[in-house]
Amino acid sequence: MNSLPIATKGQKVGIFGGSFDPPHEGHLLVATQAIKRLGLDQIWWIPSPGNPLKSWKPAPMSERLEMINSMITNPKMQAHDLETKFNTVLTIDTVRALQKQYAGVNFVLICGADLLIELHLW
C-alpha cells in the first residue's frame, strides 16, 4: 500500500511486526487471536525491511507484502510497509513514529513467541 493506513482517535490498533519471510499460518493465528482477545479495531502487519539481529536479508518487501495480503481474509487486518515509509529499523522508533502520526490512537504491540528469546537484545 502506498498511503498510510487510517486510524482514528480512540481506536485500538495492533502492531504486528516481524520478518514475515515467509508469513505462515502461525502468524495468522496470532493475529486472529489478538483481534479477538484484545478487542482490537485493526491489526497492522508491518514487515521489517531488515532485522538488525539477523544475519540474513529477507525477501523483497513487495513479495512479503503480497504473501501477507494473500493470507489475510479478515477486513480488520492490513499489511503496510510502515518501517520503510518512516525509515525506521528498531521497533521503538516505529512505535514513536506511529504515536506522533496518530495522536489518540491506542497501539498494542503484537509479536510472536520467537521474539521473546531475543527481547533482551532490543
PDB file of N, CA and C in Angstrom:
ATOM      1  N   MET A   1       0.845  -1.178   0.000  1.00  0.00           N
ATOM      2  CA  MET A   1       0.000   0.000   0.000  1.00  0.00           C
ATOM      3  C   MET A   1       0.886   1.235   0.000  1.00  0.00           C
ATOM      4  N   ASN A   2       0.492   2.219  -0.779  1.00  0.00           N
ATOM      5  CA  ASN A   2       1.319   3.398  -0.925  1.00  0.00           C
ATOM      6  C   ASN A   2       1.049   4.462   0.125  1.00  0.00           C
ATOM      7  N   SER A   3      -0.169   4.573   0.617  1.00  0.00           N
ATOM      8  CA  SER A   3      -0.501   5.595   1.586  1.00  0.00           C
ATOM      9  C   SER A   3      -0.487   5.021   2.992  1.00  0.00           C
ATOM     10  N   LEU A   4      -0.535   5.932   3.949  1.00  0.00           N
ATOM     11  CA  LEU A   4      -0.577   5.495   5.344  1.00  0.00           C
ATOM     12  C   LEU A   4      -1.969   4.952   5.666  1.00  0.00           C
ATOM     13  N   PRO A   5      -2.040   3.973   6.549  1.00  0.00           N
ATOM     14  CA  PRO A   5      -3.350   3.441   6.938  1.00  0.00           C
ATOM     15  C   PRO A   5      -4.146   4.476   7.726  1.00  0.00           C
ATOM     16  N   ILE A   6      -5.450   4.252   7.782  1.00  0.00           N
ATOM     17  CA  ILE A   6      -6.336   5.163   8.505  1.00  0.00           C
ATOM     18  C   ILE A   6      -6.670   4.571   9.862  1.00  0.00           C
ATOM     19  N   ALA A   7      -6.512   5.394  10.875  1.00  0.00           N
ATOM     20  CA  ALA A   7      -6.926   5.041  12.232  1.00  0.00           C
ATOM     21  C   ALA A   7      -7.379   6.330  12.902  1.00  0.00           C
ATOM     22  N   THR A   8      -8.426   6.233  13.694  1.00  0.00           N
ATOM     23  CA  THR A   8      -8.972   7.417  14.333  1.00  0.00           C
ATOM     24  C   THR A   8      -8.784   7.379  15.841  1.00  0.00           C
ATOM     25  N   LYS A   9      -8.818   8.548  16.419  1.00  0.00           N
ATOM     26  CA  LYS A   9      -8.634   8.719  17.858  1.00  0.00           C
ATOM     27  C   LYS A   9      -9.555   7.768  18.619  1.00  0.00           C
ATOM     28  N   GLY A  10      -8.990   7.077  19.600  1.00  0.00           N
ATOM     29  CA  GLY A  10      -9.756   6.149  20.417  1.00  0.00           C
ATOM     30  C   GLY A  10      -9.728   4.715  19.927  1.00  0.00           C
ATOM     31  N   GLN A  11      -9.310   4.500  18.673  1.00  0.00           N
ATOM     32  CA  GLN A  11      -9.225   3.121  18.177  1.00  0.00           C
ATOM     33  C   GLN A  11      -8.064   2.390  18.841  1.00  0.00           C
ATOM     34  N   LYS A  12      -8.206   1.087  18.901  1.00  0.00           N
ATOM     35  CA  LYS A  12      -7.172   0.205  19.436  1.00  0.00           C
ATOM     36  C   LYS A  12      -6.611  -0.592  18.264  1.00  0.00           C
ATOM     37  N   VAL A  13      -5.337  -0.326  17.932  1.00  0.00           N
ATOM     38  CA  VAL A  13      -4.710  -0.912  16.752  1.00  0.00           C
ATOM     39  C   VAL A  13      -3.520  -1.772  17.167  1.00  0.00           C
ATOM     40  N   GLY A  14      -3.543  -3.018  16.740  1.00  0.00           N
ATOM     41  CA  GLY A  14      -2.425  -3.919  16.981  1.00  0.00           C
ATOM     42  C   GLY A  14      -1.340  -3.710  15.943  1.00  0.00           C
ATOM     43  N   ILE A  15      -0.120  -3.644  16.393  1.00  0.00           N
ATOM     44  CA  ILE A  15       1.046  -3.516  15.524  1.00  0.00           C
ATOM     45  C   ILE A  15       1.745  -4.863  15.555  1.00  0.00           C
ATOM     46  N   PHE A  16       1.688  -5.578  14.447  1.00  0.00           N
ATOM     47  CA  PHE A  16       2.233  -6.929  14.361  1.00  0.00           C
ATOM     48  C   PHE A  16       3.473  -6.877  13.480  1.00  0.00           C
ATOM     49  N   GLY A  17       4.625  -6.812  14.115  1.00  0.00           N
ATOM     50  CA  GLY A  17       5.876  -6.707  13.387  1.00  0.00           C
ATOM     51  C   GLY A  17       6.584  -8.044  13.286  1.00  0.00           C
ATOM     52  N   GLY A  18       7.433  -8.138  12.289  1.00  0.00           N
ATOM     53  CA  GLY A  18       8.231  -9.338  12.103  1.00  0.00           C
ATOM     54  C   GLY A  18       8.840  -9.366  10.719  1.00  0.00           C
ATOM     55  N   SER A  19       9.639 -10.369  10.476  1.00  0.00           N
ATOM     56  CA  SER A  19      10.229 -10.518   9.147  1.00  0.00           C
ATOM     57  C   SER A  19       9.184 -11.003   8.148  1.00  0.00           C
ATOM     58  N   PHE A  20       8.301 -11.887   8.603  1.00  0.00           N
ATOM     59  CA  PHE A  20       7.275 -12.485   7.742  1.00  0.00           C
ATOM     60  C   PHE A  20       7.908 -12.998   6.447  1.00  0.00           C
ATOM     61  N   ASP A  21       8.941 -13.810   6.627  1.00  0.00           N
ATOM     62  CA  ASP A  21       9.703 -14.322   5.487  1.00  0.00           C
ATOM     63  C   ASP A  21       9.885 -15.829   5.604  1.00  0.00           C
ATOM     64  N   PRO A  22       8.872 -16.565   5.239  1.00  0.00           N
ATOM     65  CA  PRO A  22       7.568 -16.143   4.715  1.00  0.00           C
ATOM     66  C   PRO A  22       6.543 -16.053   5.848  1.00  0.00           C
ATOM     67  N   PRO A  23       5.435 -15.347   5.586  1.00  0.00           N
ATOM     68  CA  PRO A  23       4.337 -15.386   6.546  1.00  0.00           C
ATOM     69  C   PRO A  23       3.704 -16.778   6.509  1.00  0.00           C
ATOM     70  N   HIS A  24       3.180 -17.226   7.656  1.00  0.00           N
ATOM     71  CA  HIS A  24       2.609 -18.572   7.699  1.00  0.00           C
ATOM     72  C   HIS A  24       1.372 -18.601   8.594  1.00  0.00           C
ATOM     73  N   GLU A  25       0.762 -19.768   8.666  1.00  0.00           N
ATOM     74  CA  GLU A  25      -0.480 -19.936   9.432  1.00  0.00           C
ATOM     75  C   GLU A  25      -0.308 -19.568  10.907  1.00  0.00           C
ATOM     76  N   GLY A  26       0.879 -19.776  11.456  1.00  0.00           N
ATOM     77  CA  GLY A  26       1.134 -19.383  12.851  1.00  0.00           C
ATOM     78  C   GLY A  26       0.983 -17.879  13.028  1.00  0.00           C
ATOM     79  N   HIS A  27       1.500 -17.111  12.076  1.00  0.00           N
ATOM     80  CA  HIS A  27       1.337 -15.657  12.130  1.00  0.00           C
ATOM     81  C   HIS A  27      -0.146 -15.285  12.066  1.00  0.00           C
ATOM     82  N   LEU A  28      -0.865 -15.933  11.178  1.00  0.00           N
ATOM     83  CA  LEU A  28      -2.292 -15.651  11.019  1.00  0.00           C
ATOM     84  C   LEU A  28      -3.060 -15.986  12.296  1.00  0.00           C
ATOM     85  N   LEU A  29      -2.695 -17.080  12.943  1.00  0.00           N
ATOM     86  CA  LEU A  29      -3.338 -17.460  14.198  1.00  0.00           C
ATOM     87  C   LEU A  29      -3.078 -16.415  15.279  1.00  0.00           C
ATOM     88  N   VAL A  30      -1.838 -15.940  15.384  1.00  0.00           N
ATOM     89  CA  VAL A  30      -1.514 -14.901  16.369  1.00  0.00           C
ATOM     90  C   VAL A  30      -2.347 -13.649  16.107  1.00  0.00           C
ATOM     91  N   ALA A  31      -2.411 -13.213  14.861  1.00  0.00           N
ATOM     92  CA  ALA A  31      -3.160 -12.006  14.511  1.00  0.00           C
ATOM     93  C   ALA A  31      -4.655 -12.174  14.796  1.00  0.00           C
ATOM     94  N   THR A  32      -5.205 -13.310  14.445  1.00  0.00           N
ATOM     95  CA  THR A  32      -6.625 -13.586  14.660  1.00  0.00           C
ATOM     96  C   THR A  32      -6.957 -13.596  16.145  1.00  0.00           C
ATOM     97  N   GLN A  33      -6.126 -14.255  16.938  1.00  0.00           N
ATOM     98  CA  GLN A  33      -6.357 -14.311  18.379  1.00  0.00           C
ATOM     99  C   GLN A  33      -6.174 -12.947  19.031  1.00  0.00           C
ATOM    100  N   ALA A  34      -5.224 -12.166  18.538  1.00  0.00           N
ATOM    101  CA  ALA A  34      -5.002 -10.826  19.094  1.00  0.00           C
ATOM    102  C   ALA A  34      -6.242  -9.955  18.890  1.00  0.00           C
ATOM    103  N   ILE A  35      -6.846 -10.032  17.721  1.00  0.00           N
ATOM    104  CA  ILE A  35      -8.062  -9.247  17.466  1.00  0.00           C
ATOM    105  C   ILE A  35      -9.161  -9.664  18.437  1.00  0.00           C
ATOM    106  N   LYS A  36      -9.358 -10.971  18.576  1.00  0.00           N
ATOM    107  CA  LYS A  36     -10.431 -11.483  19.442  1.00  0.00           C
ATOM    108  C   LYS A  36     -10.166 -11.189  20.915  1.00  0.00           C
ATOM    109  N   ARG A  37      -8.988 -11.541  21.390  1.00  0.00           N
ATOM    110  CA  ARG A  37      -8.715 -11.471  22.828  1.00  0.00           C
ATOM    111  C   ARG A  37      -8.427 -10.066  23.340  1.00  0.00           C
ATOM    112  N   LEU A  38      -7.892  -9.210  22.469  1.00  0.00           N
ATOM    113  CA  LEU A  38      -7.539  -7.860  22.895  1.00  0.00           C
ATOM    114  C   LEU A  38      -8.556  -6.811  22.445  1.00  0.00           C
ATOM    115  N   GLY A  39      -9.581  -7.247  21.721  1.00  0.00           N
ATOM    116  CA  GLY A  39     -10.620  -6.330  21.275  1.00  0.00           C
ATOM    117  C   GLY A  39     -10.087  -5.247  20.345  1.00  0.00           C
ATOM    118  N   LEU A  40      -9.222  -5.638  19.412  1.00  0.00           N
ATOM    119  CA  LEU A  40      -8.612  -4.673  18.509  1.00  0.00           C
ATOM    120  C   LEU A  40      -9.583  -4.235  17.417  1.00  0.00           C
ATOM    121  N   ASP A  41      -9.516  -2.957  17.076  1.00  0.00           N
ATOM    122  CA  ASP A  41     -10.285  -2.446  15.949  1.00  0.00           C
ATOM    123  C   ASP A  41      -9.611  -2.809  14.631  1.00  0.00           C
ATOM    124  N   GLN A  42      -8.284  -2.871  14.658  1.00  0.00           N
ATOM    125  CA  GLN A  42      -7.487  -3.216  13.485  1.00  0.00           C
ATOM    126  C   GLN A  42      -6.206  -3.898  13.952  1.00  0.00           C
ATOM    127  N   ILE A  43      -5.566  -4.581  13.031  1.00  0.00           N
ATOM    128  CA  ILE A  43      -4.208  -5.048  13.266  1.00  0.00           C
ATOM    129  C   ILE A  43      -3.424  -4.798  11.989  1.00  0.00           C
ATOM    130  N   TRP A  44      -2.278  -4.144  12.138  1.00  0.00           N
ATOM    131  CA  TRP A  44      -1.429  -3.825  11.008  1.00  0.00           C
ATOM    132  C   TRP A  44      -0.213  -4.735  11.032  1.00  0.00           C
ATOM    133  N   TRP A  45      -0.073  -5.536  10.002  1.00  0.00           N
ATOM    134  CA  TRP A  45       1.119  -6.362   9.828  1.00  0.00           C
ATOM    135  C   TRP A  45       2.199  -5.438   9.264  1.00  0.00           C
ATOM    136  N   ILE A  46       3.336  -5.376   9.927  1.00  0.00           N
ATOM    137  CA  ILE A  46       4.410  -4.481   9.492  1.00  0.00           C
ATOM    138  C   ILE A  46       5.686  -5.294   9.301  1.00  0.00           C
ATOM    139  N   PRO A  47       5.925  -5.741   8.067  1.00  0.00           N
ATOM    140  CA  PRO A  47       7.161  -6.475   7.808  1.00  0.00           C
ATOM    141  C   PRO A  47       8.373  -5.559   7.977  1.00  0.00           C
ATOM    142  N   SER A  48       9.388  -6.089   8.598  1.00  0.00           N
ATOM    143  CA  SER A  48      10.617  -5.328   8.803  1.00  0.00           C
ATOM    144  C   SER A  48      11.445  -5.304   7.522  1.00  0.00           C
ATOM    145  N   PRO A  49      11.986  -4.135   7.159  1.00  0.00           N
ATOM    146  CA  PRO A  49      12.871  -4.081   5.993  1.00  0.00           C
ATOM    147  C   PRO A  49      14.120  -4.948   6.198  1.00  0.00           C
ATOM    148  N   GLY A  50      14.509  -5.134   7.438  1.00  0.00           N
ATOM    149  CA  GLY A  50      15.662  -5.958   7.776  1.00  0.00           C
ATOM    150  C   GLY A  50      15.839  -5.969   9.275  1.00  0.00           C
ATOM    151  N   ASN A  51      16.003  -7.124   9.838  1.00  0.00           N
ATOM    152  CA  ASN A  51      16.164  -7.255  11.278  1.00  0.00           C
ATOM    153  C   ASN A  51      17.648  -7.154  11.614  1.00  0.00           C
ATOM    154  N   PRO A  52      18.047  -6.129  12.388  1.00  0.00           N
ATOM    155  CA  PRO A  52      19.467  -5.982  12.719  1.00  0.00           C
ATOM    156  C   PRO A  52      20.021  -7.135  13.559  1.00  0.00           C
ATOM    157  N   LEU A  53      19.125  -7.967  14.111  1.00  0.00           N
ATOM    158  CA  LEU A  53      19.575  -9.100  14.926  1.00  0.00           C
ATOM    159  C   LEU A  53      19.740 -10.379  14.104  1.00  0.00           C
ATOM    160  N   LYS A  54      19.407 -10.312  12.820  1.00  0.00           N
ATOM    161  CA  LYS A  54      19.535 -11.491  11.961  1.00  0.00           C
ATOM    162  C   LYS A  54      20.621 -11.248  10.924  1.00  0.00           C
ATOM    163  N   SER A  55      21.352 -12.303  10.582  1.00  0.00           N
ATOM    164  CA  SER A  55      22.478 -12.163   9.656  1.00  0.00           C
ATOM    165  C   SER A  55      22.053 -12.220   8.190  1.00  0.00           C
ATOM    166  N   TRP A  56      20.822 -12.640   7.908  1.00  0.00           N
ATOM    167  CA  TRP A  56      20.366 -12.774   6.526  1.00  0.00           C
ATOM    168  C   TRP A  56      19.427 -11.636   6.155  1.00  0.00           C
ATOM    169  N   LYS A  57      19.366 -11.353   4.874  1.00  0.00           N
ATOM    170  CA  LYS A  57      18.442 -10.340   4.363  1.00  0.00           C
ATOM    171  C   LYS A  57      17.142 -11.024   3.960  1.00  0.00           C
ATOM    172  N   PRO A  58      16.019 -10.423   4.284  1.00  0.00           N
ATOM    173  CA  PRO A  58      14.737 -11.030   3.924  1.00  0.00           C
ATOM    174  C   PRO A  58      14.441 -10.859   2.435  1.00  0.00           C
ATOM    175  N   ALA A  59      13.419 -11.554   1.990  1.00  0.00           N
ATOM    176  CA  ALA A  59      12.917 -11.394   0.621  1.00  0.00           C
ATOM    177  C   ALA A  59      12.487  -9.939   0.428  1.00  0.00           C
ATOM    178  N   PRO A  60      12.399  -9.479  -0.799  1.00  0.00           N
ATOM    179  CA  PRO A  60      11.968  -8.096  -1.042  1.00  0.00           C
ATOM    180  C   PRO A  60      10.625  -7.781  -0.372  1.00  0.00           C
ATOM    181  N   MET A  61      10.500  -6.539   0.075  1.00  0.00           N
ATOM    182  CA  MET A  61       9.293  -6.102   0.781  1.00  0.00           C
ATOM    183  C   MET A  61       8.043  -6.371  -0.052  1.00  0.00           C
ATOM    184  N   SER A  62       8.087  -6.077  -1.332  1.00  0.00           N
ATOM    185  CA  SER A  62       6.900  -6.260  -2.177  1.00  0.00           C
ATOM    186  C   SER A  62       6.432  -7.711  -2.174  1.00  0.00           C
ATOM    187  N   GLU A  63       7.358  -8.653  -2.167  1.00  0.00           N
ATOM    188  CA  GLU A  63       6.997 -10.072  -2.144  1.00  0.00           C
ATOM    189  C   GLU A  63       6.365 -10.454  -0.822  1.00  0.00           C
ATOM    190  N   ARG A  64       6.943  -9.971   0.268  1.00  0.00           N
ATOM    191  CA  ARG A  64       6.386 -10.319   1.580  1.00  0.00           C
ATOM    192  C   ARG A  64       5.018  -9.688   1.789  1.00  0.00           C
ATOM    193  N   LEU A  65       4.830  -8.442   1.350  1.00  0.00           N
ATOM    194  CA  LEU A  65       3.506  -7.812   1.444  1.00  0.00           C
ATOM    195  C   LEU A  65       2.480  -8.581   0.619  1.00  0.00           C
ATOM    196  N   GLU A  66       2.881  -9.013  -0.560  1.00  0.00           N
ATOM    197  CA  GLU A  66       1.978  -9.795  -1.409  1.00  0.00           C
ATOM    198  C   GLU A  66       1.604 -11.114  -0.743  1.00  0.00           C
ATOM    199  N   MET A  67       2.581 -11.783  -0.124  1.00  0.00           N
ATOM    200  CA  MET A  67       2.291 -13.051   0.559  1.00  0.00           C
ATOM    201  C   MET A  67       1.350 -12.835   1.739  1.00  0.00           C
ATOM    202  N   ILE A  68       1.590 -11.771   2.510  1.00  0.00           N
ATOM    203  CA  ILE A  68       0.719 -11.473   3.651  1.00  0.00           C
ATOM    204  C   ILE A  68      -0.695 -11.191   3.154  1.00  0.00           C
ATOM    205  N   ASN A  69      -0.807 -10.320   2.167  1.00  0.00           N
ATOM    206  CA  ASN A  69      -2.134  -9.950   1.652  1.00  0.00           C
ATOM    207  C   ASN A  69      -2.888 -11.140   1.075  1.00  0.00           C
ATOM    208  N   SER A  70      -2.171 -12.120   0.550  1.00  0.00           N
ATOM    209  CA  SER A  70      -2.857 -13.307   0.020  1.00  0.00           C
ATOM    210  C   SER A  70      -3.401 -14.188   1.146  1.00  0.00           C
ATOM    211  N   MET A  71      -2.869 -14.058   2.352  1.00  0.00           N
ATOM    212  CA  MET A  71      -3.331 -14.836   3.508  1.00  0.00           C
ATOM    213  C   MET A  71      -4.500 -14.175   4.240  1.00  0.00           C
ATOM    214  N   ILE A  72      -4.506 -12.873   4.254  1.00  0.00           N
ATOM    215  CA  ILE A  72      -5.464 -12.111   5.056  1.00  0.00           C
ATOM    216  C   ILE A  72      -6.862 -12.176   4.445  1.00  0.00           C
ATOM    217  N   THR A  73      -7.829 -12.557   5.268  1.00  0.00           N
ATOM    218  CA  THR A  73      -9.227 -12.524   4.851  1.00  0.00           C
ATOM    219  C   THR A  73     -10.064 -11.652   5.784  1.00  0.00           C
ATOM    220  N   ASN A  74      -9.551 -11.364   6.964  1.00  0.00           N
ATOM    221  CA  ASN A  74     -10.274 -10.543   7.935  1.00  0.00           C
ATOM    222  C   ASN A  74     -10.106  -9.069   7.566  1.00  0.00           C
ATOM    223  N   PRO A  75     -11.202  -8.331   7.378  1.00  0.00           N
ATOM    224  CA  PRO A  75     -11.095  -6.916   6.992  1.00  0.00           C
ATOM    225  C   PRO A  75     -10.433  -6.031   8.048  1.00  0.00           C
ATOM    226  N   LYS A  76     -10.289  -6.543   9.273  1.00  0.00           N
ATOM    227  CA  LYS A  76      -9.595  -5.771  10.306  1.00  0.00           C
ATOM    228  C   LYS A  76      -8.071  -5.861  10.168  1.00  0.00           C
ATOM    229  N   MET A  77      -7.591  -6.736   9.295  1.00  0.00           N
ATOM    230  CA  MET A  77      -6.151  -6.913   9.097  1.00  0.00           C
ATOM    231  C   MET A  77      -5.696  -6.227   7.826  1.00  0.00           C
ATOM    232  N   GLN A  78      -4.546  -5.580   7.929  1.00  0.00           N
ATOM    233  CA  GLN A  78      -3.924  -4.925   6.778  1.00  0.00           C
ATOM    234  C   GLN A  78      -2.416  -5.096   6.880  1.00  0.00           C
ATOM    235  N   ALA A  79      -1.746  -5.115   5.746  1.00  0.00           N
ATOM    236  CA  ALA A  79      -0.279  -5.158   5.707  1.00  0.00           C
ATOM    237  C   ALA A  79       0.229  -3.831   5.160  1.00  0.00           C
ATOM    238  N   HIS A  80       1.247  -3.295   5.819  1.00  0.00           N
ATOM    239  CA  HIS A  80       1.795  -1.989   5.436  1.00  0.00           C
ATOM    240  C   HIS A  80       3.308  -1.993   5.594  1.00  0.00           C
ATOM    241  N   ASP A  81       3.972  -1.278   4.716  1.00  0.00           N
ATOM    242  CA  ASP A  81       5.427  -1.144   4.807  1.00  0.00           C
ATOM    243  C   ASP A  81       5.794   0.127   5.577  1.00  0.00           C
ATOM    244  N   LEU A  82       5.257   0.262   6.778  1.00  0.00           N
ATOM    245  CA  LEU A  82       5.421   1.487   7.562  1.00  0.00           C
ATOM    246  C   LEU A  82       6.867   1.742   7.965  1.00  0.00           C
ATOM    247  N   GLU A  83       7.634   0.691   8.225  1.00  0.00           N
ATOM    248  CA  GLU A  83       9.033   0.928   8.600  1.00  0.00           C
ATOM    249  C   GLU A  83       9.822   1.489   7.416  1.00  0.00           C
ATOM    250  N   THR A  84       9.447   1.123   6.221  1.00  0.00           N
ATOM    251  CA  THR A  84      10.072   1.708   5.038  1.00  0.00           C
ATOM    252  C   THR A  84       9.652   3.170   4.916  1.00  0.00           C
ATOM    253  N   LYS A  85       8.365   3.432   5.087  1.00  0.00           N
ATOM    254  CA  LYS A  85       7.861   4.810   4.975  1.00  0.00           C
ATOM    255  C   LYS A  85       8.433   5.725   6.052  1.00  0.00           C
ATOM    256  N   PHE A  86       8.549   5.205   7.279  1.00  0.00           N
ATOM    257  CA  PHE A  86       9.071   6.004   8.391  1.00  0.00           C
ATOM    258  C   PHE A  86      10.605   5.964   8.460  1.00  0.00           C
ATOM    259  N   ASN A  87      11.213   5.126   7.638  1.00  0.00           N
ATOM    260  CA  ASN A  87      12.663   4.943   7.642  1.00  0.00           C
ATOM    261  C   ASN A  87      13.154   4.535   9.033  1.00  0.00           C
ATOM    262  N   THR A  88      12.469   3.550   9.602  1.00  0.00           N
ATOM    263  CA  THR A  88      12.845   3.044  10.921  1.00  0.00           C
ATOM    264  C   THR A  88      13.280   1.585  10.809  1.00  0.00           C
ATOM    265  N   VAL A  89      14.118   1.176  11.730  1.00  0.00           N
ATOM    266  CA  VAL A  89      14.582  -0.210  11.796  1.00  0.00           C
ATOM    267  C   VAL A  89      14.206  -0.813  13.141  1.00  0.00           C
ATOM    268  N   LEU A  90      14.377  -0.029  14.187  1.00  0.00           N
ATOM    269  CA  LEU A  90      14.075  -0.506  15.537  1.00  0.00           C
ATOM    270  C   LEU A  90      12.598  -0.317  15.858  1.00  0.00           C
ATOM    271  N   THR A  91      12.016  -1.297  16.517  1.00  0.00           N
ATOM    272  CA  THR A  91      10.595  -1.260  16.868  1.00  0.00           C
ATOM    273  C   THR A  91      10.237  -0.009  17.652  1.00  0.00           C
ATOM    274  N   ILE A  92      11.067   0.372  18.599  1.00  0.00           N
ATOM    275  CA  ILE A  92      10.767   1.549  19.421  1.00  0.00           C
ATOM    276  C   ILE A  92      10.657   2.802  18.562  1.00  0.00           C
ATOM    277  N   ASP A  93      11.495   2.909  17.524  1.00  0.00           N
ATOM    278  CA  ASP A  93      11.426   4.071  16.633  1.00  0.00           C
ATOM    279  C   ASP A  93      10.147   4.046  15.798  1.00  0.00           C
ATOM    280  N   THR A  94       9.725   2.863  15.396  1.00  0.00           N
ATOM    281  CA  THR A  94       8.474   2.730  14.644  1.00  0.00           C
ATOM    282  C   THR A  94       7.288   3.116  15.529  1.00  0.00           C
ATOM    283  N   VAL A  95       7.277   2.647  16.761  1.00  0.00           N
ATOM    284  CA  VAL A  95       6.195   2.981  17.694  1.00  0.00           C
ATOM    285  C   VAL A  95       6.156   4.489  17.940  1.00  0.00           C
ATOM    286  N   ARG A  96       7.312   5.105  18.118  1.00  0.00           N
ATOM    287  CA  ARG A  96       7.348   6.562  18.322  1.00  0.00           C
ATOM    288  C   ARG A  96       6.798   7.305  17.111  1.00  0.00           C
ATOM    289  N   ALA A  97       7.163   6.854  15.902  1.00  0.00           N
ATOM    290  CA  ALA A  97       6.671   7.486  14.679  1.00  0.00           C
ATOM    291  C   ALA A  97       5.153   7.329  14.568  1.00  0.00           C
ATOM    292  N   LEU A  98       4.653   6.147  14.928  1.00  0.00           N
ATOM    293  CA  LEU A  98       3.207   5.915  14.888  1.00  0.00           C
ATOM    294  C   LEU A  98       2.483   6.807  15.885  1.00  0.00           C
ATOM    295  N   GLN A  99       3.019   6.923  17.096  1.00  0.00           N
ATOM    296  CA  GLN A  99       2.376   7.761  18.108  1.00  0.00           C
ATOM    297  C   GLN A  99       2.341   9.221  17.674  1.00  0.00           C
ATOM    298  N   LYS A 100       3.372   9.665  17.001  1.00  0.00           N
ATOM    299  CA  LYS A 100       3.416  11.045  16.507  1.00  0.00           C
ATOM    300  C   LYS A 100       2.409  11.250  15.370  1.00  0.00           C
ATOM    301  N   GLN A 101       2.329  10.280  14.472  1.00  0.00           N
ATOM    302  CA  GLN A 101       1.441  10.368  13.308  1.00  0.00           C
ATOM    303  C   GLN A 101      -0.031  10.201  13.680  1.00  0.00           C
ATOM    304  N   TYR A 102      -0.296   9.383  14.701  1.00  0.00           N
ATOM    305  CA  TYR A 102      -1.668   9.010  15.049  1.00  0.00           C
ATOM    306  C   TYR A 102      -1.977   9.355  16.507  1.00  0.00           C
ATOM    307  N   ALA A 103      -2.060  10.626  16.802  1.00  0.00           N
ATOM    308  CA  ALA A 103      -2.362  11.064  18.167  1.00  0.00           C
ATOM    309  C   ALA A 103      -3.721  10.523  18.592  1.00  0.00           C
ATOM    310  N   GLY A 104      -3.773   9.962  19.785  1.00  0.00           N
ATOM    311  CA  GLY A 104      -5.033   9.471  20.325  1.00  0.00           C
ATOM    312  C   GLY A 104      -5.391   8.046  19.962  1.00  0.00           C
ATOM    313  N   VAL A 105      -4.587   7.410  19.097  1.00  0.00           N
ATOM    314  CA  VAL A 105      -4.802   6.005  18.769  1.00  0.00           C
ATOM    315  C   VAL A 105      -4.045   5.170  19.792  1.00  0.00           C
ATOM    316  N   ASN A 106      -4.688   4.127  20.270  1.00  0.00           N
ATOM    317  CA  ASN A 106      -4.078   3.234  21.256  1.00  0.00           C
ATOM    318  C   ASN A 106      -3.426   2.065  20.518  1.00  0.00           C
ATOM    319  N   PHE A 107      -2.097   2.004  20.563  1.00  0.00           N
ATOM    320  CA  PHE A 107      -1.368   0.948  19.880  1.00  0.00           C
ATOM    321  C   PHE A 107      -0.995  -0.160  20.855  1.00  0.00           C
ATOM    322  N   VAL A 108      -1.099  -1.393  20.351  1.00  0.00           N
ATOM    323  CA  VAL A 108      -0.740  -2.582  21.113  1.00  0.00           C
ATOM    324  C   VAL A 108       0.279  -3.349  20.280  1.00  0.00           C
ATOM    325  N   LEU A 109       1.433  -3.609  20.856  1.00  0.00           N
ATOM    326  CA  LEU A 109       2.477  -4.328  20.143  1.00  0.00           C
ATOM    327  C   LEU A 109       2.213  -5.823  20.202  1.00  0.00           C
ATOM    328  N   ILE A 110       2.191  -6.461  19.032  1.00  0.00           N
ATOM    329  CA  ILE A 110       1.954  -7.896  18.920  1.00  0.00           C
ATOM    330  C   ILE A 110       3.221  -8.522  18.346  1.00  0.00           C
ATOM    331  N   CYS A 111       3.676  -9.600  18.955  1.00  0.00           N
ATOM    332  CA  CYS A 111       4.837 -10.298  18.393  1.00  0.00           C
ATOM    333  C   CYS A 111       4.723 -11.780  18.706  1.00  0.00           C
ATOM    334  N   GLY A 112       5.435 -12.559  17.937  1.00  0.00           N
ATOM    335  CA  GLY A 112       5.449 -13.995  18.140  1.00  0.00           C
ATOM    336  C   GLY A 112       6.361 -14.388  19.295  1.00  0.00           C
ATOM    337  N   ALA A 113       6.173 -15.580  19.787  1.00  0.00           N
ATOM    338  CA  ALA A 113       6.964 -16.074  20.921  1.00  0.00           C
ATOM    339  C   ALA A 113       8.444 -16.177  20.581  1.00  0.00           C
ATOM    340  N   ASP A 114       8.771 -16.345  19.296  1.00  0.00           N
ATOM    341  CA  ASP A 114      10.178 -16.459  18.916  1.00  0.00           C
ATOM    342  C   ASP A 114      10.952 -15.187  19.242  1.00  0.00           C
ATOM    343  N   LEU A 115      10.291 -14.050  19.282  1.00  0.00           N
ATOM    344  CA  LEU A 115      10.972 -12.798  19.606  1.00  0.00           C
ATOM    345  C   LEU A 115      11.292 -12.668  21.089  1.00  0.00           C
ATOM    346  N   LEU A 116      10.571 -13.384  21.920  1.00  0.00           N
ATOM    347  CA  LEU A 116      10.830 -13.301  23.357  1.00  0.00           C
ATOM    348  C   LEU A 116      12.245 -13.748  23.700  1.00  0.00           C
ATOM    349  N   ILE A 117      12.775 -14.657  22.921  1.00  0.00           N
ATOM    350  CA  ILE A 117      14.130 -15.147  23.154  1.00  0.00           C
ATOM    351  C   ILE A 117      15.154 -14.026  22.952  1.00  0.00           C
ATOM    352  N   GLU A 118      14.859 -13.103  22.025  1.00  0.00           N
ATOM    353  CA  GLU A 118      15.793 -12.031  21.698  1.00  0.00           C
ATOM    354  C   GLU A 118      15.408 -10.699  22.331  1.00  0.00           C
ATOM    355  N   LEU A 119      14.327 -10.656  23.104  1.00  0.00           N
ATOM    356  CA  LEU A 119      13.815  -9.395  23.623  1.00  0.00           C
ATOM    357  C   LEU A 119      14.861  -8.592  24.383  1.00  0.00           C
ATOM    358  N   HIS A 120      15.712  -9.251  25.123  1.00  0.00           N
ATOM    359  CA  HIS A 120      16.738  -8.555  25.895  1.00  0.00           C
ATOM    360  C   HIS A 120      17.765  -7.848  25.005  1.00  0.00           C
ATOM    361  N   LEU A 121      17.826  -8.205  23.724  1.00  0.00           N
ATOM    362  CA  LEU A 121      18.765  -7.588  22.789  1.00  0.00           C
ATOM    363  C   LEU A 121      18.192  -6.332  22.123  1.00  0.00           C
ATOM    364  N   TRP A 122      16.871  -6.141  22.280  1.00  0.00           N
ATOM    365  CA  TRP A 122      16.244  -4.965  21.674  1.00  0.00           C
ATOM    366  C   TRP A 122      16.763  -3.756  22.372  1.00  0.00           C
TER     367      TRP A 122
END
